[in-house]
């Protein structure tokens, strides 16, 4: 019984270890009162104690598996939460590089189309001939 108790203890099967301890205690008490029982009664008693021990080991194993599963799920959630935080920070930094702050706030607060109407605005799209070659020779400040 002691070998079983130490084998289960290193697996953190505390209930199984407690059951083995009770069995050992019961055996010590049973040996002192063996004169009152027949061998058949003692065998039945040990059989029942063995069944209880096996059931306790199974319950402890199921409990241990559930605890480990919950721990792993919590760790996975923490990792995913950290990953999402980093991705959100990257996304916010990219938006800040492309759009002005008021537009970013409107994007975050509204899910629809963002459009403004200005009655007296002209937008010009133009292709300047030779601009690419010129931009390689000038600094950004000179181009602007």
C-alpha atoms as a PDB file:
ATOM      1  CA  UNK A   1       0.000   0.000   0.000  1.00  0.00           C
ATOM      2  CA  UNK A   2       2.842   2.401   0.735  1.00  0.00           C
ATOM      3  CA  UNK A   3       4.271   1.997  -2.779  1.00  0.00           C
ATOM      4  CA  UNK A   4       0.874   2.827  -4.291  1.00  0.00           C
ATOM      5  CA  UNK A   5       0.527   5.818  -1.989  1.00  0.00           C
ATOM      6  CA  UNK A   6       3.875   7.306  -3.033  1.00  0.00           C
ATOM      7  CA  UNK A   7       3.226   6.604  -6.719  1.00  0.00           C
ATOM      8  CA  UNK A   8      -0.041   8.521  -6.573  1.00  0.00           C
ATOM      9  CA  UNK A   9       1.367  11.300  -4.392  1.00  0.00           C
ATOM     10  CA  UNK A  10       3.835  12.468  -7.023  1.00  0.00           C
ATOM     11  CA  UNK A  11       0.897  12.784  -9.429  1.00  0.00           C
ATOM     12  CA  UNK A  12      -0.826  15.075  -6.897  1.00  0.00           C
ATOM     13  CA  UNK A  13      -3.539  12.533  -6.181  1.00  0.00           C
ATOM     14  CA  UNK A  14      -4.098  13.740  -2.644  1.00  0.00           C
ATOM     15  CA  UNK A  15      -7.490  12.009  -2.252  1.00  0.00           C
ATOM     16  CA  UNK A  16      -5.978   8.706  -3.379  1.00  0.00           C
ATOM     17  CA  UNK A  17      -3.111   9.129  -0.946  1.00  0.00           C
ATOM     18  CA  UNK A  18      -5.550   9.834   1.863  1.00  0.00           C
ATOM     19  CA  UNK A  19      -7.472   6.691   0.960  1.00  0.00           C
ATOM     20  CA  UNK A  20      -4.259   4.625   1.107  1.00  0.00           C
ATOM     21  CA  UNK A  21      -3.487   6.134   4.496  1.00  0.00           C
ATOM     22  CA  UNK A  22      -6.950   5.166   5.747  1.00  0.00           C
ATOM     23  CA  UNK A  23      -6.453   1.646   4.353  1.00  0.00           C
ATOM     24  CA  UNK A  24      -3.116   1.338   6.186  1.00  0.00           C
ATOM     25  CA  UNK A  25      -4.674   2.590   9.397  1.00  0.00           C
ATOM     26  CA  UNK A  26      -7.563   0.195   8.942  1.00  0.00           C
ATOM     27  CA  UNK A  27      -5.118  -2.664   8.389  1.00  0.00           C
ATOM     28  CA  UNK A  28      -3.274  -1.892  11.622  1.00  0.00           C
ATOM     29  CA  UNK A  29      -6.549  -1.774  13.538  1.00  0.00           C
ATOM     30  CA  UNK A  30      -7.804  -4.890  11.711  1.00  0.00           C
ATOM     31  CA  UNK A  31      -4.726  -6.941  12.594  1.00  0.00           C
ATOM     32  CA  UNK A  32      -5.221  -6.258  16.271  1.00  0.00           C
ATOM     33  CA  UNK A  33      -8.849  -7.406  16.132  1.00  0.00           C
ATOM     34  CA  UNK A  34      -8.381 -10.274  13.661  1.00  0.00           C
ATOM     35  CA  UNK A  35      -9.341 -12.822  16.288  1.00  0.00           C
ATOM     36  CA  UNK A  36     -12.991 -11.733  16.092  1.00  0.00           C
ATOM     37  CA  UNK A  37     -13.309 -12.155  12.301  1.00  0.00           C
ATOM     38  CA  UNK A  38     -13.005 -15.060   9.982  1.00  0.00           C
ATOM     39  CA  UNK A  39     -10.577 -14.923   7.042  1.00  0.00           C
ATOM     40  CA  UNK A  40     -13.545 -14.682   4.642  1.00  0.00           C
ATOM     41  CA  UNK A  41     -14.799 -11.528   6.371  1.00  0.00           C
ATOM     42  CA  UNK A  42     -11.337  -9.950   6.237  1.00  0.00           C
ATOM     43  CA  UNK A  43     -11.035 -10.780   2.506  1.00  0.00           C
ATOM     44  CA  UNK A  44     -14.435  -9.193   1.836  1.00  0.00           C
ATOM     45  CA  UNK A  45     -13.382  -6.143   3.805  1.00  0.00           C
ATOM     46  CA  UNK A  46     -10.152  -5.757   1.805  1.00  0.00           C
ATOM     47  CA  UNK A  47     -12.054  -6.274  -1.441  1.00  0.00           C
ATOM     48  CA  UNK A  48     -14.461  -3.459  -0.566  1.00  0.00           C
ATOM     49  CA  UNK A  49     -11.590  -1.211   0.500  1.00  0.00           C
ATOM     50  CA  UNK A  50      -9.851  -1.984  -2.810  1.00  0.00           C
ATOM     51  CA  UNK A  51     -12.975  -1.047  -4.779  1.00  0.00           C
ATOM     52  CA  UNK A  52     -13.238   2.219  -2.834  1.00  0.00           C
ATOM     53  CA  UNK A  53      -9.547   2.894  -3.470  1.00  0.00           C
ATOM     54  CA  UNK A  54      -9.917   2.309  -7.222  1.00  0.00           C
ATOM     55  CA  UNK A  55     -12.974   4.556  -7.347  1.00  0.00           C
ATOM     56  CA  UNK A  56     -11.104   7.257  -5.428  1.00  0.00           C
ATOM     57  CA  UNK A  57      -8.143   7.016  -7.803  1.00  0.00           C
ATOM     58  CA  UNK A  58     -10.465   7.345 -10.796  1.00  0.00           C
ATOM     59  CA  UNK A  59     -12.182  10.356  -9.237  1.00  0.00           C
ATOM     60  CA  UNK A  60      -8.815  11.956  -8.418  1.00  0.00           C
ATOM     61  CA  UNK A  61      -7.594  11.347 -11.965  1.00  0.00           C
ATOM     62  CA  UNK A  62     -10.722  12.936 -13.477  1.00  0.00           C
ATOM     63  CA  UNK A  63     -10.359  15.873 -11.112  1.00  0.00           C
ATOM     64  CA  UNK A  64      -6.675  16.300 -12.017  1.00  0.00           C
ATOM     65  CA  UNK A  65      -7.429  16.170 -15.744  1.00  0.00           C
ATOM     66  CA  UNK A  66     -10.138  18.811 -15.336  1.00  0.00           C
ATOM     67  CA  UNK A  67      -7.787  21.095 -13.389  1.00  0.00           C
ATOM     68  CA  UNK A  68      -5.059  20.753 -16.004  1.00  0.00           C
ATOM     69  CA  UNK A  69      -7.526  21.384 -18.846  1.00  0.00           C
ATOM     70  CA  UNK A  70      -8.804  24.534 -17.119  1.00  0.00           C
ATOM     71  CA  UNK A  71      -5.238  25.727 -16.558  1.00  0.00           C
ATOM     72  CA  UNK A  72      -4.309  25.204 -20.210  1.00  0.00           C
ATOM     73  CA  UNK A  73      -7.468  26.958 -21.402  1.00  0.00           C
ATOM     74  CA  UNK A  74      -6.700  29.927 -19.150  1.00  0.00           C
ATOM     75  CA  UNK A  75      -3.137  30.123 -20.491  1.00  0.00           C
ATOM     76  CA  UNK A  76      -4.353  29.940 -24.101  1.00  0.00           C
ATOM     77  CA  UNK A  77      -6.853  32.736 -23.416  1.00  0.00           C
ATOM     78  CA  UNK A  78      -4.112  34.876 -21.858  1.00  0.00           C
ATOM     79  CA  UNK A  79      -1.859  34.331 -24.870  1.00  0.00           C
ATOM     80  CA  UNK A  80      -4.673  35.141 -27.304  1.00  0.00           C
ATOM     81  CA  UNK A  81      -5.595  38.252 -25.307  1.00  0.00           C
ATOM     82  CA  UNK A  82      -1.977  39.446 -25.406  1.00  0.00           C
ATOM     83  CA  UNK A  83      -1.787  38.747 -29.145  1.00  0.00           C
ATOM     84  CA  UNK A  84      -5.001  40.716 -29.781  1.00  0.00           C
ATOM     85  CA  UNK A  85      -3.665  43.617 -27.718  1.00  0.00           C
ATOM     86  CA  UNK A  86      -0.490  43.760 -29.812  1.00  0.00           C
ATOM     87  CA  UNK A  87      -2.491  43.534 -33.040  1.00  0.00           C
ATOM     88  CA  UNK A  88      -4.811  46.338 -31.897  1.00  0.00           C
ATOM     89  CA  UNK A  89      -1.837  48.547 -31.068  1.00  0.00           C
ATOM     90  CA  UNK A  90      -0.349  47.820 -34.506  1.00  0.00           C
ATOM     91  CA  UNK A  91      -3.662  48.589 -36.190  1.00  0.00           C
ATOM     92  CA  UNK A  92      -4.040  51.854 -34.265  1.00  0.00           C
ATOM     93  CA  UNK A  93      -0.488  52.879 -35.178  1.00  0.00           C
ATOM     94  CA  UNK A  94      -1.153  52.202 -38.865  1.00  0.00           C
ATOM     95  CA  UNK A  95      -4.364  54.216 -38.749  1.00  0.00           C
ATOM     96  CA  UNK A  96      -2.552  57.094 -37.029  1.00  0.00           C
ATOM     97  CA  UNK A  97       0.022  57.130 -39.835  1.00  0.00           C
ATOM     98  CA  UNK A  98      -2.615  57.328 -42.572  1.00  0.00           C
ATOM     99  CA  UNK A  99      -5.567  59.260 -41.151  1.00  0.00           C
ATOM    100  CA  UNK A 100      -5.993  62.319 -38.942  1.00  0.00           C
ATOM    101  CA  UNK A 101      -7.088  61.787 -35.334  1.00  0.00           C
ATOM    102  CA  UNK A 102     -10.692  63.069 -35.771  1.00  0.00           C
ATOM    103  CA  UNK A 103     -11.282  60.632 -38.620  1.00  0.00           C
ATOM    104  CA  UNK A 104      -9.870  57.752 -36.553  1.00  0.00           C
ATOM    105  CA  UNK A 105     -12.245  58.602 -33.707  1.00  0.00           C
ATOM    106  CA  UNK A 106     -15.178  58.662 -36.126  1.00  0.00           C
ATOM    107  CA  UNK A 107     -14.122  55.300 -37.543  1.00  0.00           C
ATOM    108  CA  UNK A 108     -14.014  53.786 -34.071  1.00  0.00           C
ATOM    109  CA  UNK A 109     -17.325  55.245 -32.942  1.00  0.00           C
ATOM    110  CA  UNK A 110     -19.407  54.719 -36.131  1.00  0.00           C
ATOM    111  CA  UNK A 111     -19.752  51.542 -38.136  1.00  0.00           C
ATOM    112  CA  UNK A 112     -21.298  53.169 -41.217  1.00  0.00           C
ATOM    113  CA  UNK A 113     -19.835  55.174 -44.084  1.00  0.00           C
ATOM    114  CA  UNK A 114     -17.954  58.293 -43.093  1.00  0.00           C
ATOM    115  CA  UNK A 115     -18.511  61.121 -45.547  1.00  0.00           C
ATOM    116  CA  UNK A 116     -18.481  64.879 -45.223  1.00  0.00           C
ATOM    117  CA  UNK A 117     -20.085  67.383 -47.543  1.00  0.00           C
ATOM    118  CA  UNK A 118     -18.250  70.592 -48.369  1.00  0.00           C
ATOM    119  CA  UNK A 119     -20.150  72.902 -50.752  1.00  0.00           C
ATOM    120  CA  UNK A 120     -17.157  74.790 -52.125  1.00  0.00           C
ATOM    121  CA  UNK A 121     -14.287  72.349 -52.478  1.00  0.00           C
ATOM    122  CA  UNK A 122     -12.423  71.217 -55.552  1.00  0.00           C
ATOM    123  CA  UNK A 123     -10.387  68.049 -55.608  1.00  0.00           C
ATOM    124  CA  UNK A 124      -7.696  67.738 -58.256  1.00  0.00           C
ATOM    125  CA  UNK A 125      -6.053  64.468 -59.187  1.00  0.00           C
ATOM    126  CA  UNK A 126      -3.059  64.993 -61.422  1.00  0.00           C
ATOM    127  CA  UNK A 127      -0.188  63.009 -62.865  1.00  0.00           C
ATOM    128  CA  UNK A 128       2.923  65.179 -63.104  1.00  0.00           C
ATOM    129  CA  UNK A 129       5.193  64.079 -65.939  1.00  0.00           C
ATOM    130  CA  UNK A 130       8.690  63.235 -64.691  1.00  0.00           C
ATOM    131  CA  UNK A 131       7.695  63.467 -61.026  1.00  0.00           C
ATOM    132  CA  UNK A 132       9.090  60.057 -60.109  1.00  0.00           C
ATOM    133  CA  UNK A 133      12.534  60.871 -61.545  1.00  0.00           C
ATOM    134  CA  UNK A 134      12.444  64.312 -59.904  1.00  0.00           C
ATOM    135  CA  UNK A 135      11.475  62.861 -56.501  1.00  0.00           C
ATOM    136  CA  UNK A 136      14.546  60.623 -56.466  1.00  0.00           C
ATOM    137  CA  UNK A 137      16.825  63.672 -56.773  1.00  0.00           C
ATOM    138  CA  UNK A 138      15.129  65.992 -54.257  1.00  0.00           C
ATOM    139  CA  UNK A 139      14.630  65.767 -50.509  1.00  0.00           C
ATOM    140  CA  UNK A 140      11.077  65.357 -49.160  1.00  0.00           C
ATOM    141  CA  UNK A 141      11.061  68.931 -47.876  1.00  0.00           C
ATOM    142  CA  UNK A 142      11.956  70.282 -51.331  1.00  0.00           C
ATOM    143  CA  UNK A 143       9.253  68.198 -53.027  1.00  0.00           C
ATOM    144  CA  UNK A 144       6.521  69.507 -50.735  1.00  0.00           C
END
